[in-house]
Amino acid sequence: TVTPIPFYEQLPLVKEVISFAKEHLYTRYRSGG
């Protein structure tokens, strides 16, 4: 009955990093960018 909390949910900043990364979807590729 106990569901373990995944590692990434233990660190709220991880969710924020992923959310921030998603904000940049479709940004173009640039070598060295």
All heavy atoms as atom14 arrays in JSON, in Angstrom:
{
  "sequence": "TVTPIPFYEQLPLVKEVISFAKEHLYTRYRSGG",
  "atom14_mask": [
    [1, 1, 1, 1, 1, 1, 1, 0, 0, 0, 0, 0, 0, 0],
    [1, 1, 1, 1, 1, 1, 1, 0, 0, 0, 0, 0, 0, 0],
    [1, 1, 1, 1, 1, 1, 1, 0, 0, 0, 0, 0, 0, 0],
    [1, 1, 1, 1, 1, 1, 1, 0, 0, 0, 0, 0, 0, 0],
    [1, 1, 1, 1, 1, 1, 1, 1, 0, 0, 0, 0, 0, 0],
    [1, 1, 1, 1, 1, 1, 1, 0, 0, 0, 0, 0, 0, 0],
    [1, 1, 1, 1, 1, 1, 1, 1, 1, 1, 1, 0, 0, 0],
    [1, 1, 1, 1, 1, 1, 1, 1, 1, 1, 1, 1, 0, 0],
    [1, 1, 1, 1, 1, 1, 1, 1, 1, 0, 0, 0, 0, 0],
    [1, 1, 1, 1, 1, 1, 1, 1, 1, 0, 0, 0, 0, 0],
    [1, 1, 1, 1, 1, 1, 1, 1, 0, 0, 0, 0, 0, 0],
    [1, 1, 1, 1, 1, 1, 1, 0, 0, 0, 0, 0, 0, 0],
    [1, 1, 1, 1, 1, 1, 1, 1, 0, 0, 0, 0, 0, 0],
    [1, 1, 1, 1, 1, 1, 1, 0, 0, 0, 0, 0, 0, 0],
    [1, 1, 1, 1, 1, 1, 1, 1, 1, 0, 0, 0, 0, 0],
    [1, 1, 1, 1, 1, 1, 1, 1, 1, 0, 0, 0, 0, 0],
    [1, 1, 1, 1, 1, 1, 1, 0, 0, 0, 0, 0, 0, 0],
    [1, 1, 1, 1, 1, 1, 1, 1, 0, 0, 0, 0, 0, 0],
    [1, 1, 1, 1, 1, 1, 0, 0, 0, 0, 0, 0, 0, 0],
    [1, 1, 1, 1, 1, 1, 1, 1, 1, 1, 1, 0, 0, 0],
    [1, 1, 1, 1, 1, 0, 0, 0, 0, 0, 0, 0, 0, 0],
    [1, 1, 1, 1, 1, 1, 1, 1, 1, 0, 0, 0, 0, 0],
    [1, 1, 1, 1, 1, 1, 1, 1, 1, 0, 0, 0, 0, 0],
    [1, 1, 1, 1, 1, 1, 1, 1, 1, 1, 0, 0, 0, 0],
    [1, 1, 1, 1, 1, 1, 1, 1, 0, 0, 0, 0, 0, 0],
    [1, 1, 1, 1, 1, 1, 1, 1, 1, 1, 1, 1, 0, 0],
    [1, 1, 1, 1, 1, 1, 1, 0, 0, 0, 0, 0, 0, 0],
    [1, 1, 1, 1, 1, 1, 1, 1, 1, 1, 1, 0, 0, 0],
    [1, 1, 1, 1, 1, 1, 1, 1, 1, 1, 1, 1, 0, 0],
    [1, 1, 1, 1, 1, 1, 1, 1, 1, 1, 1, 0, 0, 0],
    [1, 1, 1, 1, 1, 1, 0, 0, 0, 0, 0, 0, 0, 0],
    [1, 1, 1, 1, 0, 0, 0, 0, 0, 0, 0, 0, 0, 0],
    [1, 1, 1, 1, 0, 0, 0, 0, 0, 0, 0, 0, 0, 0]
  ],
  "atom14_positions": [
    [[0.81, -1.21, 0.0], [0.0, 0.0, 0.0], [0.84, 1.27, 0.0], [0.32, 2.35, -0.18], [-0.95, 0.04, 1.21], [-0.17, 0.01, 2.4], [-1.93, -1.11, 1.17], [0.0, 0.0, 0.0], [0.0, 0.0, 0.0], [0.0, 0.0, 0.0], [0.0, 0.0, 0.0], [0.0, 0.0, 0.0], [0.0, 0.0, 0.0], [0.0, 0.0, 0.0]],
    [[2.14, 1.15, 0.2], [3.01, 2.32, 0.23], [3.68, 2.46, -1.13], [4.31, 1.54, -1.62], [4.09, 2.18, 1.34], [5.03, 3.35, 1.31], [3.42, 2.05, 2.69], [0.0, 0.0, 0.0], [0.0, 0.0, 0.0], [0.0, 0.0, 0.0], [0.0, 0.0, 0.0], [0.0, 0.0, 0.0], [0.0, 0.0, 0.0], [0.0, 0.0, 0.0]],
    [[3.51, 3.61, -1.75], [4.13, 3.88, -3.04], [5.4, 4.7, -2.8], [5.32, 5.78, -2.22], [3.17, 4.68, -3.94], [1.95, 3.95, -4.05], [3.78, 4.91, -5.31], [0.0, 0.0, 0.0], [0.0, 0.0, 0.0], [0.0, 0.0, 0.0], [0.0, 0.0, 0.0], [0.0, 0.0, 0.0], [0.0, 0.0, 0.0], [0.0, 0.0, 0.0]],
    [[6.55, 4.19, -3.22], [7.78, 4.96, -3.01], [7.77, 6.23, -3.86], [7.23, 6.24, -4.96], [8.89, 3.99, -3.46], [8.2, 3.04, -4.37], [6.78, 2.93, -3.91], [0.0, 0.0, 0.0], [0.0, 0.0, 0.0], [0.0, 0.0, 0.0], [0.0, 0.0, 0.0], [0.0, 0.0, 0.0], [0.0, 0.0, 0.0], [0.0, 0.0, 0.0]],
    [[8.36, 7.26, -3.34], [8.45, 8.53, -4.06], [9.67, 8.45, -4.97], [10.78, 8.22, -4.51], [8.59, 9.71, -3.08], [7.35, 9.79, -2.19], [8.79, 11.01, -3.84], [7.45, 10.78, -1.07], [0.0, 0.0, 0.0], [0.0, 0.0, 0.0], [0.0, 0.0, 0.0], [0.0, 0.0, 0.0], [0.0, 0.0, 0.0], [0.0, 0.0, 0.0]],
    [[9.48, 8.65, -6.29], [10.62, 8.61, -7.21], [11.66, 9.67, -6.84], [11.32, 10.73, -6.3], [10.0, 8.92, -8.57], [8.55, 8.63, -8.42], [8.23, 8.9, -6.98], [0.0, 0.0, 0.0], [0.0, 0.0, 0.0], [0.0, 0.0, 0.0], [0.0, 0.0, 0.0], [0.0, 0.0, 0.0], [0.0, 0.0, 0.0], [0.0, 0.0, 0.0]],
    [[12.9, 9.37, -7.14], [14.02, 10.25, -6.83], [13.77, 11.68, -7.3], [13.95, 12.63, -6.56], [15.31, 9.72, -7.48], [16.42, 10.72, -7.53], [17.15, 10.99, -6.4], [16.69, 11.42, -8.69], [18.16, 11.94, -6.42], [17.7, 12.37, -8.72], [18.43, 12.62, -7.58], [0.0, 0.0, 0.0], [0.0, 0.0, 0.0], [0.0, 0.0, 0.0]],
    [[13.32, 11.84, -8.55], [13.19, 13.17, -9.11], [12.12, 14.0, -8.41], [12.19, 15.22, -8.4], [12.92, 13.14, -10.62], [11.57, 12.62, -11.0], [10.52, 13.48, -11.24], [11.34, 11.26, -11.13], [9.27, 13.01, -11.59], [10.09, 10.79, -11.48], [9.07, 11.67, -11.72], [7.84, 11.2, -12.06], [0.0, 0.0, 0.0], [0.0, 0.0, 0.0]],
    [[11.13, 13.34, -7.79], [10.11, 14.09, -7.07], [10.59, 14.51, -5.69], [9.96, 15.33, -5.03], [8.83, 13.28, -6.98], [8.11, 13.19, -8.3], [6.77, 12.49, -8.19], [6.3, 12.22, -7.08], [6.19, 12.23, -9.26], [0.0, 0.0, 0.0], [0.0, 0.0, 0.0], [0.0, 0.0, 0.0], [0.0, 0.0, 0.0], [0.0, 0.0, 0.0]],
    [[11.69, 13.93, -5.23], [12.25, 14.33, -3.96], [12.97, 15.66, -4.07], [13.19, 16.34, -3.09], [13.22, 13.25, -3.45], [12.54, 11.94, -3.15], [13.54, 10.86, -2.81], [14.66, 11.13, -2.42], [13.12, 9.61, -2.95], [0.0, 0.0, 0.0], [0.0, 0.0, 0.0], [0.0, 0.0, 0.0], [0.0, 0.0, 0.0], [0.0, 0.0, 0.0]],
    [[13.36, 16.01, -5.26], [14.06, 17.27, -5.5], [13.18, 18.15, -6.38], [13.12, 17.96, -7.59], [15.4, 17.01, -6.2], [16.43, 16.22, -5.42], [17.63, 15.9, -6.28], [16.85, 16.96, -4.17], [0.0, 0.0, 0.0], [0.0, 0.0, 0.0], [0.0, 0.0, 0.0], [0.0, 0.0, 0.0], [0.0, 0.0, 0.0], [0.0, 0.0, 0.0]],
    [[12.49, 19.11, -5.8], [11.62, 19.97, -6.6], [12.35, 20.67, -7.74], [11.76, 20.94, -8.78], [11.08, 20.99, -5.58], [11.27, 20.36, -4.25], [12.46, 19.44, -4.38], [0.0, 0.0, 0.0], [0.0, 0.0, 0.0], [0.0, 0.0, 0.0], [0.0, 0.0, 0.0], [0.0, 0.0, 0.0], [0.0, 0.0, 0.0], [0.0, 0.0, 0.0]],
    [[13.64, 20.93, -7.57], [14.38, 21.61, -8.63], [14.46, 20.78, -9.9], [14.54, 21.33, -10.99], [15.8, 21.95, -8.16], [15.94, 23.23, -7.35], [17.38, 23.42, -6.88], [15.48, 24.43, -8.13], [0.0, 0.0, 0.0], [0.0, 0.0, 0.0], [0.0, 0.0, 0.0], [0.0, 0.0, 0.0], [0.0, 0.0, 0.0], [0.0, 0.0, 0.0]],
    [[14.41, 19.46, -9.79], [14.46, 18.61, -10.98], [13.26, 18.9, -11.87], [13.39, 19.06, -13.08], [14.54, 17.12, -10.6], [14.37, 16.23, -11.82], [15.85, 16.82, -9.91], [0.0, 0.0, 0.0], [0.0, 0.0, 0.0], [0.0, 0.0, 0.0], [0.0, 0.0, 0.0], [0.0, 0.0, 0.0], [0.0, 0.0, 0.0], [0.0, 0.0, 0.0]],
    [[12.08, 18.99, -11.27], [10.88, 19.31, -12.03], [11.03, 20.68, -12.71], [10.6, 20.88, -13.84], [9.65, 19.32, -11.14], [9.17, 17.95, -10.74], [7.91, 18.08, -9.91], [7.34, 16.72, -9.59], [6.1, 16.84, -8.82], [0.0, 0.0, 0.0], [0.0, 0.0, 0.0], [0.0, 0.0, 0.0], [0.0, 0.0, 0.0], [0.0, 0.0, 0.0]],
    [[11.63, 21.61, -12.0], [11.83, 22.95, -12.55], [12.8, 22.94, -13.72], [12.59, 23.64, -14.71], [12.29, 23.92, -11.46], [11.23, 24.2, -10.41], [11.69, 25.15, -9.34], [12.39, 26.14, -9.68], [11.38, 24.91, -8.17], [0.0, 0.0, 0.0], [0.0, 0.0, 0.0], [0.0, 0.0, 0.0], [0.0, 0.0, 0.0], [0.0, 0.0, 0.0]],
    [[13.88, 22.17, -13.61], [14.85, 22.07, -14.71], [14.16, 21.49, -15.95], [14.33, 22.01, -17.06], [16.07, 21.21, -14.31], [16.95, 20.92, -15.52], [16.88, 21.89, -13.22], [0.0, 0.0, 0.0], [0.0, 0.0, 0.0], [0.0, 0.0, 0.0], [0.0, 0.0, 0.0], [0.0, 0.0, 0.0], [0.0, 0.0, 0.0], [0.0, 0.0, 0.0]],
    [[13.38, 20.44, -15.76], [12.69, 19.82, -16.89], [11.68, 20.79, -17.49], [11.59, 20.92, -18.71], [12.02, 18.49, -16.45], [13.12, 17.46, -16.13], [11.08, 17.97, -17.52], [12.61, 16.21, -15.46], [0.0, 0.0, 0.0], [0.0, 0.0, 0.0], [0.0, 0.0, 0.0], [0.0, 0.0, 0.0], [0.0, 0.0, 0.0], [0.0, 0.0, 0.0]],
    [[10.94, 21.47, -16.66], [9.98, 22.46, -17.15], [10.69, 23.57, -17.93], [10.23, 23.99, -18.99], [9.21, 23.04, -15.96], [8.29, 24.0, -16.39], [0.0, 0.0, 0.0], [0.0, 0.0, 0.0], [0.0, 0.0, 0.0], [0.0, 0.0, 0.0], [0.0, 0.0, 0.0], [0.0, 0.0, 0.0], [0.0, 0.0, 0.0], [0.0, 0.0, 0.0]],
    [[11.82, 24.02, -17.42], [12.6, 25.06, -18.1], [13.11, 24.55, -19.44], [13.05, 25.26, -20.45], [13.78, 25.47, -17.2], [14.63, 26.57, -17.77], [14.16, 27.88, -17.82], [15.91, 26.31, -18.24], [14.95, 28.9, -18.34], [16.7, 27.31, -18.75], [16.22, 28.61, -18.81], [0.0, 0.0, 0.0], [0.0, 0.0, 0.0], [0.0, 0.0, 0.0]],
    [[13.57, 23.31, -19.49], [14.04, 22.72, -20.75], [12.91, 22.68, -21.77], [13.1, 23.0, -22.95], [14.59, 21.32, -20.49], [0.0, 0.0, 0.0], [0.0, 0.0, 0.0], [0.0, 0.0, 0.0], [0.0, 0.0, 0.0], [0.0, 0.0, 0.0], [0.0, 0.0, 0.0], [0.0, 0.0, 0.0], [0.0, 0.0, 0.0], [0.0, 0.0, 0.0]],
    [[11.71, 22.31, -21.34], [10.55, 22.22, -22.24], [10.19, 23.57, -22.84], [9.67, 23.64, -23.95], [9.34, 21.65, -21.49], [9.47, 20.19, -21.13], [8.28, 19.73, -20.32], [8.42, 18.29, -19.88], [7.26, 17.84, -19.08], [0.0, 0.0, 0.0], [0.0, 0.0, 0.0], [0.0, 0.0, 0.0], [0.0, 0.0, 0.0], [0.0, 0.0, 0.0]],
    [[10.46, 24.65, -22.12], [10.19, 25.99, -22.64], [11.01, 26.31, -23.89], [10.69, 27.23, -24.63], [10.5, 27.05, -21.57], [9.55, 27.05, -20.4], [9.98, 28.02, -19.31], [10.77, 28.95, -19.59], [9.52, 27.85, -18.16], [0.0, 0.0, 0.0], [0.0, 0.0, 0.0], [0.0, 0.0, 0.0], [0.0, 0.0, 0.0], [0.0, 0.0, 0.0]],
    [[12.06, 25.52, -24.12], [12.96, 25.8, -25.25], [12.79, 24.81, -26.4], [13.63, 24.76, -27.31], [14.4, 25.84, -24.74], [14.6, 26.94, -23.75], [14.38, 26.76, -22.39], [14.92, 28.24, -23.92], [14.59, 27.91, -21.78], [14.9, 28.82, -22.66], [0.0, 0.0, 0.0], [0.0, 0.0, 0.0], [0.0, 0.0, 0.0], [0.0, 0.0, 0.0]],
    [[11.7, 24.04, -26.36], [11.4, 23.13, -27.48], [11.41, 23.92, -28.79], [10.94, 25.06, -28.83], [10.04, 22.47, -27.29], [10.02, 21.21, -26.44], [8.59, 20.8, -26.13], [10.76, 20.08, -27.12], [0.0, 0.0, 0.0], [0.0, 0.0, 0.0], [0.0, 0.0, 0.0], [0.0, 0.0, 0.0], [0.0, 0.0, 0.0], [0.0, 0.0, 0.0]],
    [[11.93, 23.32, -29.81], [11.98, 23.85, -31.17], [13.0, 24.98, -31.36], [13.07, 25.55, -32.45], [10.58, 24.3, -31.66], [9.54, 23.25, -31.38], [8.52, 23.48, -30.47], [9.61, 21.99, -32.0], [7.58, 22.51, -30.19], [8.67, 21.02, -31.72], [7.66, 21.28, -30.82], [6.73, 20.31, -30.54], [0.0, 0.0, 0.0], [0.0, 0.0, 0.0]],
    [[13.79, 25.29, -30.33], [14.9, 26.23, -30.55], [15.86, 25.55, -31.51], [16.15, 24.36, -31.4], [15.61, 26.55, -29.21], [14.66, 27.12, -28.31], [16.77, 27.51, -29.42], [0.0, 0.0, 0.0], [0.0, 0.0, 0.0], [0.0, 0.0, 0.0], [0.0, 0.0, 0.0], [0.0, 0.0, 0.0], [0.0, 0.0, 0.0], [0.0, 0.0, 0.0]],
    [[16.37, 26.3, -32.46], [17.19, 25.7, -33.52], [18.51, 25.16, -33.0], [19.0, 25.59, -31.95], [17.43, 26.7, -34.64], [18.43, 27.79, -34.32], [18.53, 28.78, -35.5], [19.62, 29.7, -35.32], [20.82, 29.58, -35.9], [21.05, 28.59, -36.72], [21.77, 30.46, -35.66], [0.0, 0.0, 0.0], [0.0, 0.0, 0.0], [0.0, 0.0, 0.0]],
    [[19.06, 24.21, -33.75], [20.39, 23.68, -33.46], [21.42, 24.66, -33.97], [21.28, 25.22, -35.06], [20.6, 22.32, -34.14], [21.98, 21.77, -33.87], [22.23, 21.02, -32.72], [23.04, 22.02, -34.74], [23.5, 20.53, -32.45], [24.31, 21.54, -34.47], [24.54, 20.8, -33.33], [25.79, 20.33, -33.05], [0.0, 0.0, 0.0], [0.0, 0.0, 0.0]],
    [[22.47, 24.84, -33.22], [23.58, 25.7, -33.63], [24.86, 25.12, -33.07], [25.0, 24.97, -31.85], [23.36, 27.11, -33.1], [24.4, 28.09, -33.54], [23.99, 29.48, -33.09], [25.11, 30.38, -33.22], [25.21, 31.53, -32.59], [24.23, 31.93, -31.8], [26.25, 32.28, -32.75], [0.0, 0.0, 0.0], [0.0, 0.0, 0.0], [0.0, 0.0, 0.0]],
    [[25.79, 24.74, -33.92], [27.05, 24.17, -33.48], [27.75, 25.13, -32.52], [27.93, 26.29, -32.83], [27.94, 23.89, -34.69], [29.14, 23.29, -34.27], [0.0, 0.0, 0.0], [0.0, 0.0, 0.0], [0.0, 0.0, 0.0], [0.0, 0.0, 0.0], [0.0, 0.0, 0.0], [0.0, 0.0, 0.0], [0.0, 0.0, 0.0], [0.0, 0.0, 0.0]],
    [[28.1, 24.63, -31.35], [28.73, 25.47, -30.33], [27.76, 26.38, -29.59], [28.16, 27.14, -28.73], [0.0, 0.0, 0.0], [0.0, 0.0, 0.0], [0.0, 0.0, 0.0], [0.0, 0.0, 0.0], [0.0, 0.0, 0.0], [0.0, 0.0, 0.0], [0.0, 0.0, 0.0], [0.0, 0.0, 0.0], [0.0, 0.0, 0.0], [0.0, 0.0, 0.0]],
    [[26.47, 26.3, -29.93], [25.47, 27.19, -29.37], [25.19, 26.95, -27.9], [25.07, 25.8, -27.46], [0.0, 0.0, 0.0], [0.0, 0.0, 0.0], [0.0, 0.0, 0.0], [0.0, 0.0, 0.0], [0.0, 0.0, 0.0], [0.0, 0.0, 0.0], [0.0, 0.0, 0.0], [0.0, 0.0, 0.0], [0.0, 0.0, 0.0], [0.0, 0.0, 0.0]]
  ]
}
